Each structure stands twice: as C-alpha cells, then as structure tokens.
Amino acid sequence: MPEADYEIEFFRAQGFRRSQCASCGKFFWTLGDHTTCGETPCQEYDFIGNPPFKKRLTVRAMREDFISFMEANGHTRVRR
C-alpha cells in the first residue's frame, strides 16, 4: 500500500504516531509508546478478569445503557 494511503493528517493533528509492531511487524497508529500493535497474539487480552465497569449488568441492562447513550448523543431509538 502506498504511504500516502495511510498517512492521514487528521491522526497526526490529534497526536497519533505511526509505529511498527515489534512482534508481527505490522504498522499501527498509537497515542502512546506501545511496542506492539495490541492485537493477539502480539499482546494478551488485558481486560479479561479486569472489567471496565464497576457494576455488573445483565445483557438487557447493557443494551439499554448503550441505546440511552446513543440517544443522548443525537441518535434516534428504533424498534428491533
């Protein structure tokens, strides 16, 4: 892929930089000083056993929270 296809000024303006994964060699955009792309098998999942939420939710409650978030951000709820 030509370099011009992935050199996107928006990413640079937002502080991202393009890095090459030390494990698989693929290139990726990052805001930090990551040495790997963050995908498996280059990096183990770090959220397993460490959920991002403090409260436990049912699938129905998660769906409702998501839909409510989308509504609060200008989207319209539709019937399933």
PDB file of N, CA and C in Angstrom:
ATOM      1  N   MET A   1       0.854  -1.171   0.000  1.00  0.00           N
ATOM      2  CA  MET A   1       0.000   0.000   0.000  1.00  0.00           C
ATOM      3  C   MET A   1       0.902   1.237   0.000  1.00  0.00           C
ATOM      4  N   PRO A   2       0.621   2.175  -0.865  1.00  0.00           N
ATOM      5  CA  PRO A   2       1.424   3.398  -0.897  1.00  0.00           C
ATOM      6  C   PRO A   2       1.314   4.174   0.419  1.00  0.00           C
ATOM      7  N   GLU A   3       2.415   4.769   0.842  1.00  0.00           N
ATOM      8  CA  GLU A   3       2.456   5.507   2.106  1.00  0.00           C
ATOM      9  C   GLU A   3       1.384   6.596   2.166  1.00  0.00           C
ATOM     10  N   ALA A   4       1.088   7.216   1.051  1.00  0.00           N
ATOM     11  CA  ALA A   4       0.088   8.294   1.013  1.00  0.00           C
ATOM     12  C   ALA A   4      -1.309   7.804   1.399  1.00  0.00           C
ATOM     13  N   ASP A   5      -1.570   6.504   1.246  1.00  0.00           N
ATOM     14  CA  ASP A   5      -2.886   5.958   1.574  1.00  0.00           C
ATOM     15  C   ASP A   5      -3.134   5.889   3.074  1.00  0.00           C
ATOM     16  N   TYR A   6      -2.086   5.819   3.877  1.00  0.00           N
ATOM     17  CA  TYR A   6      -2.293   5.720   5.324  1.00  0.00           C
ATOM     18  C   TYR A   6      -1.731   6.895   6.109  1.00  0.00           C
ATOM     19  N   GLU A   7      -1.017   7.785   5.484  1.00  0.00           N
ATOM     20  CA  GLU A   7      -0.510   8.975   6.163  1.00  0.00           C
ATOM     21  C   GLU A   7      -1.635  10.005   6.202  1.00  0.00           C
ATOM     22  N   ILE A   8      -2.424   9.957   7.248  1.00  0.00           N
ATOM     23  CA  ILE A   8      -3.615  10.796   7.355  1.00  0.00           C
ATOM     24  C   ILE A   8      -3.321  11.945   8.302  1.00  0.00           C
ATOM     25  N   GLU A   9      -3.435  13.175   7.806  1.00  0.00           N
ATOM     26  CA  GLU A   9      -3.097  14.366   8.592  1.00  0.00           C
ATOM     27  C   GLU A   9      -3.953  14.462   9.853  1.00  0.00           C
ATOM     28  N   PHE A  10      -5.204  14.006   9.798  1.00  0.00           N
ATOM     29  CA  PHE A  10      -6.078  14.057  10.973  1.00  0.00           C
ATOM     30  C   PHE A  10      -5.428  13.347  12.154  1.00  0.00           C
ATOM     31  N   PHE A  11      -4.872  12.152  11.924  1.00  0.00           N
ATOM     32  CA  PHE A  11      -4.240  11.403  13.011  1.00  0.00           C
ATOM     33  C   PHE A  11      -3.064  12.171  13.596  1.00  0.00           C
ATOM     34  N   ARG A  12      -2.232  12.721  12.729  1.00  0.00           N
ATOM     35  CA  ARG A  12      -1.086  13.492  13.208  1.00  0.00           C
ATOM     36  C   ARG A  12      -1.545  14.708  14.004  1.00  0.00           C
ATOM     37  N   ALA A  13      -2.575  15.381  13.526  1.00  0.00           N
ATOM     38  CA  ALA A  13      -3.096  16.568  14.217  1.00  0.00           C
ATOM     39  C   ALA A  13      -3.652  16.211  15.595  1.00  0.00           C
ATOM     40  N   GLN A  14      -4.122  14.974  15.765  1.00  0.00           N
ATOM     41  CA  GLN A  14      -4.667  14.523  17.041  1.00  0.00           C
ATOM     42  C   GLN A  14      -3.596  13.954  17.962  1.00  0.00           C
ATOM     43  N   GLY A  15      -2.345  13.928  17.500  1.00  0.00           N
ATOM     44  CA  GLY A  15      -1.255  13.455  18.340  1.00  0.00           C
ATOM     45  C   GLY A  15      -0.870  12.001  18.143  1.00  0.00           C
ATOM     46  N   PHE A  16      -1.508  11.313  17.187  1.00  0.00           N
ATOM     47  CA  PHE A  16      -1.163   9.918  16.911  1.00  0.00           C
ATOM     48  C   PHE A  16       0.176   9.845  16.184  1.00  0.00           C
ATOM     49  N   ARG A  17       0.852   8.724  16.317  1.00  0.00           N
ATOM     50  CA  ARG A  17       2.050   8.469  15.519  1.00  0.00           C
ATOM     51  C   ARG A  17       1.970   7.050  14.986  1.00  0.00           C
ATOM     52  N   ARG A  18       2.619   6.815  13.880  1.00  0.00           N
ATOM     53  CA  ARG A  18       2.595   5.502  13.238  1.00  0.00           C
ATOM     54  C   ARG A  18       3.801   4.715  13.729  1.00  0.00           C
ATOM     55  N   SER A  19       3.553   3.474  14.211  1.00  0.00           N
ATOM     56  CA  SER A  19       4.613   2.620  14.727  1.00  0.00           C
ATOM     57  C   SER A  19       4.544   1.259  14.068  1.00  0.00           C
ATOM     58  N   GLN A  20       5.646   0.525  14.163  1.00  0.00           N
ATOM     59  CA  GLN A  20       5.684  -0.840  13.651  1.00  0.00           C
ATOM     60  C   GLN A  20       5.738  -1.800  14.830  1.00  0.00           C
ATOM     61  N   CYS A  21       4.875  -2.795  14.819  1.00  0.00           N
ATOM     62  CA  CYS A  21       4.794  -3.778  15.896  1.00  0.00           C
ATOM     63  C   CYS A  21       6.094  -4.571  15.975  1.00  0.00           C
ATOM     64  N   ALA A  22       6.660  -4.628  17.180  1.00  0.00           N
ATOM     65  CA  ALA A  22       7.907  -5.366  17.408  1.00  0.00           C
ATOM     66  C   ALA A  22       7.696  -6.870  17.294  1.00  0.00           C
ATOM     67  N   SER A  23       6.443  -7.323  17.379  1.00  0.00           N
ATOM     68  CA  SER A  23       6.159  -8.751  17.339  1.00  0.00           C
ATOM     69  C   SER A  23       5.817  -9.243  15.928  1.00  0.00           C
ATOM     70  N   CYS A  24       4.815  -8.627  15.290  1.00  0.00           N
ATOM     71  CA  CYS A  24       4.352  -9.119  13.988  1.00  0.00           C
ATOM     72  C   CYS A  24       4.860  -8.294  12.804  1.00  0.00           C
ATOM     73  N   GLY A  25       5.366  -7.076  13.082  1.00  0.00           N
ATOM     74  CA  GLY A  25       5.899  -6.241  12.012  1.00  0.00           C
ATOM     75  C   GLY A  25       4.882  -5.370  11.312  1.00  0.00           C
ATOM     76  N   LYS A  26       3.598  -5.505  11.667  1.00  0.00           N
ATOM     77  CA  LYS A  26       2.564  -4.670  11.039  1.00  0.00           C
ATOM     78  C   LYS A  26       2.631  -3.257  11.613  1.00  0.00           C
ATOM     79  N   PHE A  27       2.180  -2.289  10.818  1.00  0.00           N
ATOM     80  CA  PHE A  27       2.168  -0.902  11.268  1.00  0.00           C
ATOM     81  C   PHE A  27       0.828  -0.572  11.911  1.00  0.00           C
ATOM     82  N   PHE A  28       0.847   0.352  12.877  1.00  0.00           N
ATOM     83  CA  PHE A  28      -0.375   0.752  13.575  1.00  0.00           C
ATOM     84  C   PHE A  28      -0.225   2.189  14.061  1.00  0.00           C
ATOM     85  N   TRP A  29      -1.365   2.838  14.312  1.00  0.00           N
ATOM     86  CA  TRP A  29      -1.388   4.199  14.855  1.00  0.00           C
ATOM     87  C   TRP A  29      -1.502   4.110  16.370  1.00  0.00           C
ATOM     88  N   THR A  30      -0.819   4.976  17.088  1.00  0.00           N
ATOM     89  CA  THR A  30      -0.869   4.961  18.543  1.00  0.00           C
ATOM     90  C   THR A  30      -0.743   6.359  19.122  1.00  0.00           C
ATOM     91  N   LEU A  31      -1.329   6.543  20.284  1.00  0.00           N
ATOM     92  CA  LEU A  31      -1.160   7.781  21.043  1.00  0.00           C
ATOM     93  C   LEU A  31      -0.064   7.631  22.089  1.00  0.00           C
ATOM     94  N   GLY A  32       0.313   6.404  22.389  1.00  0.00           N
ATOM     95  CA  GLY A  32       1.288   6.144  23.442  1.00  0.00           C
ATOM     96  C   GLY A  32       2.604   5.624  22.902  1.00  0.00           C
ATOM     97  N   ASP A  33       3.361   5.023  23.798  1.00  0.00           N
ATOM     98  CA  ASP A  33       4.654   4.457  23.435  1.00  0.00           C
ATOM     99  C   ASP A  33       4.574   2.932  23.377  1.00  0.00           C
ATOM    100  N   HIS A  34       3.573   2.418  22.697  1.00  0.00           N
ATOM    101  CA  HIS A  34       3.370   0.975  22.599  1.00  0.00           C
ATOM    102  C   HIS A  34       4.393   0.357  21.657  1.00  0.00           C
ATOM    103  N   THR A  35       4.884  -0.822  22.014  1.00  0.00           N
ATOM    104  CA  THR A  35       5.847  -1.518  21.157  1.00  0.00           C
ATOM    105  C   THR A  35       5.176  -2.589  20.314  1.00  0.00           C
ATOM    106  N   THR A  36       3.934  -2.964  20.684  1.00  0.00           N
ATOM    107  CA  THR A  36       3.191  -3.937  19.885  1.00  0.00           C
ATOM    108  C   THR A  36       1.877  -3.325  19.437  1.00  0.00           C
ATOM    109  N   CYS A  37       1.271  -3.962  18.441  1.00  0.00           N
ATOM    110  CA  CYS A  37       0.038  -3.450  17.846  1.00  0.00           C
ATOM    111  C   CYS A  37      -1.172  -3.578  18.776  1.00  0.00           C
ATOM    112  N   GLY A  38      -1.050  -4.401  19.802  1.00  0.00           N
ATOM    113  CA  GLY A  38      -2.151  -4.566  20.743  1.00  0.00           C
ATOM    114  C   GLY A  38      -3.112  -5.676  20.385  1.00  0.00           C
ATOM    115  N   GLU A  39      -2.909  -6.308  19.239  1.00  0.00           N
ATOM    116  CA  GLU A  39      -3.764  -7.413  18.811  1.00  0.00           C
ATOM    117  C   GLU A  39      -3.155  -8.741  19.257  1.00  0.00           C
ATOM    118  N   THR A  40      -4.011  -9.774  19.370  1.00  0.00           N
ATOM    119  CA  THR A  40      -3.465 -11.094  19.668  1.00  0.00           C
ATOM    120  C   THR A  40      -2.857 -11.642  18.386  1.00  0.00           C
ATOM    121  N   PRO A  41      -1.823 -12.392  18.391  1.00  0.00           N
ATOM    122  CA  PRO A  41      -1.123 -12.926  19.550  1.00  0.00           C
ATOM    123  C   PRO A  41      -0.005 -12.011  20.069  1.00  0.00           C
ATOM    124  N   CYS A  42       0.123 -10.818  19.525  1.00  0.00           N
ATOM    125  CA  CYS A  42       1.206  -9.915  19.932  1.00  0.00           C
ATOM    126  C   CYS A  42       1.050  -9.439  21.381  1.00  0.00           C
ATOM    127  N   GLN A  43      -0.188  -9.360  21.840  1.00  0.00           N
ATOM    128  CA  GLN A  43      -0.459  -8.922  23.211  1.00  0.00           C
ATOM    129  C   GLN A  43      -1.653  -9.698  23.738  1.00  0.00           C
ATOM    130  N   GLU A  44      -1.549 -10.194  24.948  1.00  0.00           N
ATOM    131  CA  GLU A  44      -2.668 -10.905  25.570  1.00  0.00           C
ATOM    132  C   GLU A  44      -3.775  -9.905  25.891  1.00  0.00           C
ATOM    133  N   TYR A  45      -4.998 -10.388  25.915  1.00  0.00           N
ATOM    134  CA  TYR A  45      -6.113  -9.525  26.321  1.00  0.00           C
ATOM    135  C   TYR A  45      -5.908  -9.124  27.774  1.00  0.00           C
ATOM    136  N   ASP A  46      -5.954  -7.835  28.062  1.00  0.00           N
ATOM    137  CA  ASP A  46      -5.728  -7.396  29.441  1.00  0.00           C
ATOM    138  C   ASP A  46      -7.017  -7.027  30.167  1.00  0.00           C
ATOM    139  N   PHE A  47      -8.144  -7.106  29.467  1.00  0.00           N
ATOM    140  CA  PHE A  47      -9.401  -6.782  30.121  1.00  0.00           C
ATOM    141  C   PHE A  47     -10.074  -8.007  30.737  1.00  0.00           C
ATOM    142  N   ILE A  48      -9.639  -9.221  30.379  1.00  0.00           N
ATOM    143  CA  ILE A  48     -10.241 -10.423  30.929  1.00  0.00           C
ATOM    144  C   ILE A  48      -9.897 -10.507  32.414  1.00  0.00           C
ATOM    145  N   GLY A  49     -10.907 -10.625  33.236  1.00  0.00           N
ATOM    146  CA  GLY A  49     -10.707 -10.644  34.678  1.00  0.00           C
ATOM    147  C   GLY A  49     -10.552  -9.246  35.267  1.00  0.00           C
ATOM    148  N   ASN A  50     -10.612  -8.220  34.419  1.00  0.00           N
ATOM    149  CA  ASN A  50     -10.484  -6.838  34.860  1.00  0.00           C
ATOM    150  C   ASN A  50     -11.508  -5.991  34.097  1.00  0.00           C
ATOM    151  N   PRO A  51     -12.795  -6.173  34.384  1.00  0.00           N
ATOM    152  CA  PRO A  51     -13.839  -5.500  33.618  1.00  0.00           C
ATOM    153  C   PRO A  51     -13.758  -3.977  33.752  1.00  0.00           C
ATOM    154  N   PRO A  52     -14.115  -3.251  32.689  1.00  0.00           N
ATOM    155  CA  PRO A  52     -14.042  -1.789  32.723  1.00  0.00           C
ATOM    156  C   PRO A  52     -15.166  -1.134  33.526  1.00  0.00           C
ATOM    157  N   PHE A  53     -16.164  -1.927  33.938  1.00  0.00           N
ATOM    158  CA  PHE A  53     -17.307  -1.381  34.662  1.00  0.00           C
ATOM    159  C   PHE A  53     -17.292  -1.814  36.116  1.00  0.00           C
ATOM    160  N   LYS A  54     -17.735  -0.933  36.986  1.00  0.00           N
ATOM    161  CA  LYS A  54     -17.793  -1.245  38.415  1.00  0.00           C
ATOM    162  C   LYS A  54     -19.023  -2.091  38.753  1.00  0.00           C
ATOM    163  N   LYS A  55     -20.153  -1.818  38.051  1.00  0.00           N
ATOM    164  CA  LYS A  55     -21.378  -2.559  38.364  1.00  0.00           C
ATOM    165  C   LYS A  55     -21.576  -3.711  37.375  1.00  0.00           C
ATOM    166  N   ARG A  56     -22.165  -4.778  37.856  1.00  0.00           N
ATOM    167  CA  ARG A  56     -22.486  -5.908  36.991  1.00  0.00           C
ATOM    168  C   ARG A  56     -23.800  -5.614  36.292  1.00  0.00           C
ATOM    169  N   LEU A  57     -23.866  -5.895  35.007  1.00  0.00           N
ATOM    170  CA  LEU A  57     -25.063  -5.615  34.229  1.00  0.00           C
ATOM    171  C   LEU A  57     -25.551  -6.877  33.526  1.00  0.00           C
ATOM    172  N   THR A  58     -26.861  -6.966  33.382  1.00  0.00           N
ATOM    173  CA  THR A  58     -27.434  -8.020  32.548  1.00  0.00           C
ATOM    174  C   THR A  58     -27.292  -7.571  31.097  1.00  0.00           C
ATOM    175  N   VAL A  59     -27.495  -8.486  30.167  1.00  0.00           N
ATOM    176  CA  VAL A  59     -27.430  -8.130  28.750  1.00  0.00           C
ATOM    177  C   VAL A  59     -28.478  -7.066  28.443  1.00  0.00           C
ATOM    178  N   ARG A  60     -29.663  -7.207  29.008  1.00  0.00           N
ATOM    179  CA  ARG A  60     -30.733  -6.227  28.779  1.00  0.00           C
ATOM    180  C   ARG A  60     -30.324  -4.846  29.295  1.00  0.00           C
ATOM    181  N   ALA A  61     -29.720  -4.796  30.470  1.00  0.00           N
ATOM    182  CA  ALA A  61     -29.286  -3.514  31.043  1.00  0.00           C
ATOM    183  C   ALA A  61     -28.158  -2.899  30.212  1.00  0.00           C
ATOM    184  N   MET A  62     -27.228  -3.728  29.722  1.00  0.00           N
ATOM    185  CA  MET A  62     -26.152  -3.211  28.861  1.00  0.00           C
ATOM    186  C   MET A  62     -26.730  -2.616  27.586  1.00  0.00           C
ATOM    187  N   ARG A  63     -27.693  -3.328  26.996  1.00  0.00           N
ATOM    188  CA  ARG A  63     -28.326  -2.841  25.767  1.00  0.00           C
ATOM    189  C   ARG A  63     -29.011  -1.509  26.026  1.00  0.00           C
ATOM    190  N   GLU A  64     -29.748  -1.414  27.128  1.00  0.00           N
ATOM    191  CA  GLU A  64     -30.448  -0.180  27.450  1.00  0.00           C
ATOM    192  C   GLU A  64     -29.469   0.967  27.696  1.00  0.00           C
ATOM    193  N   ASP A  65     -28.382   0.712  28.416  1.00  0.00           N
ATOM    194  CA  ASP A  65     -27.369   1.752  28.646  1.00  0.00           C
ATOM    195  C   ASP A  65     -26.779   2.230  27.330  1.00  0.00           C
ATOM    196  N   PHE A  66     -26.494   1.292  26.424  1.00  0.00           N
ATOM    197  CA  PHE A  66     -25.925   1.654  25.124  1.00  0.00           C
ATOM    198  C   PHE A  66     -26.904   2.492  24.311  1.00  0.00           C
ATOM    199  N   ILE A  67     -28.153   2.037  24.230  1.00  0.00           N
ATOM    200  CA  ILE A  67     -29.155   2.771  23.456  1.00  0.00           C
ATOM    201  C   ILE A  67     -29.385   4.157  24.059  1.00  0.00           C
ATOM    202  N   SER A  68     -29.435   4.246  25.376  1.00  0.00           N
ATOM    203  CA  SER A  68     -29.616   5.544  26.033  1.00  0.00           C
ATOM    204  C   SER A  68     -28.442   6.477  25.736  1.00  0.00           C
ATOM    205  N   PHE A  69     -27.228   5.937  25.727  1.00  0.00           N
ATOM    206  CA  PHE A  69     -26.046   6.730  25.383  1.00  0.00           C
ATOM    207  C   PHE A  69     -26.174   7.274  23.963  1.00  0.00           C
ATOM    208  N   MET A  70     -26.590   6.411  23.036  1.00  0.00           N
ATOM    209  CA  MET A  70     -26.732   6.842  21.644  1.00  0.00           C
ATOM    210  C   MET A  70     -27.806   7.925  21.515  1.00  0.00           C
ATOM    211  N   GLU A  71     -28.922   7.762  22.225  1.00  0.00           N
ATOM    212  CA  GLU A  71     -29.976   8.783  22.202  1.00  0.00           C
ATOM    213  C   GLU A  71     -29.456  10.118  22.728  1.00  0.00           C
ATOM    214  N   ALA A  72     -28.685  10.072  23.807  1.00  0.00           N
ATOM    215  CA  ALA A  72     -28.143  11.290  24.410  1.00  0.00           C
ATOM    216  C   ALA A  72     -27.152  11.983  23.477  1.00  0.00           C
ATOM    217  N   ASN A  73     -26.676  11.251  22.466  1.00  0.00           N
ATOM    218  CA  ASN A  73     -25.717  11.820  21.524  1.00  0.00           C
ATOM    219  C   ASN A  73     -26.316  12.022  20.135  1.00  0.00           C
ATOM    220  N   GLY A  74     -27.631  12.287  20.104  1.00  0.00           N
ATOM    221  CA  GLY A  74     -28.283  12.707  18.873  1.00  0.00           C
ATOM    222  C   GLY A  74     -28.849  11.622  17.985  1.00  0.00           C
ATOM    223  N   HIS A  75     -28.816  10.366  18.410  1.00  0.00           N
ATOM    224  CA  HIS A  75     -29.362   9.279  17.597  1.00  0.00           C
ATOM    225  C   HIS A  75     -30.799   8.987  18.021  1.00  0.00           C
ATOM    226  N   THR A  76     -31.543   8.332  17.154  1.00  0.00           N
ATOM    227  CA  THR A  76     -32.953   8.032  17.410  1.00  0.00           C
ATOM    228  C   THR A  76     -33.124   6.548  17.703  1.00  0.00           C
ATOM    229  N   ARG A  77     -33.883   6.264  18.741  1.00  0.00           N
ATOM    230  CA  ARG A  77     -34.189   4.870  19.091  1.00  0.00           C
ATOM    231  C   ARG A  77     -35.188   4.331  18.077  1.00  0.00           C
ATOM    232  N   VAL A  78     -34.944   3.107  17.603  1.00  0.00           N
ATOM    233  CA  VAL A  78     -35.877   2.449  16.687  1.00  0.00           C
ATOM    234  C   VAL A  78     -36.247   1.096  17.265  1.00  0.00           C
ATOM    235  N   ARG A  79     -37.385   0.587  16.849  1.00  0.00           N
ATOM    236  CA  ARG A  79     -37.826  -0.726  17.313  1.00  0.00           C
ATOM    237  C   ARG A  79     -36.934  -1.803  16.706  1.00  0.00           C
ATOM    238  N   ARG A  80     -36.772  -2.898  17.445  1.00  0.00           N
ATOM    239  CA  ARG A  80     -35.982  -4.015  16.921  1.00  0.00           C
ATOM    240  C   ARG A  80     -36.673  -4.605  15.721  1.00  0.00           C
TER     241      ARG A  80
END
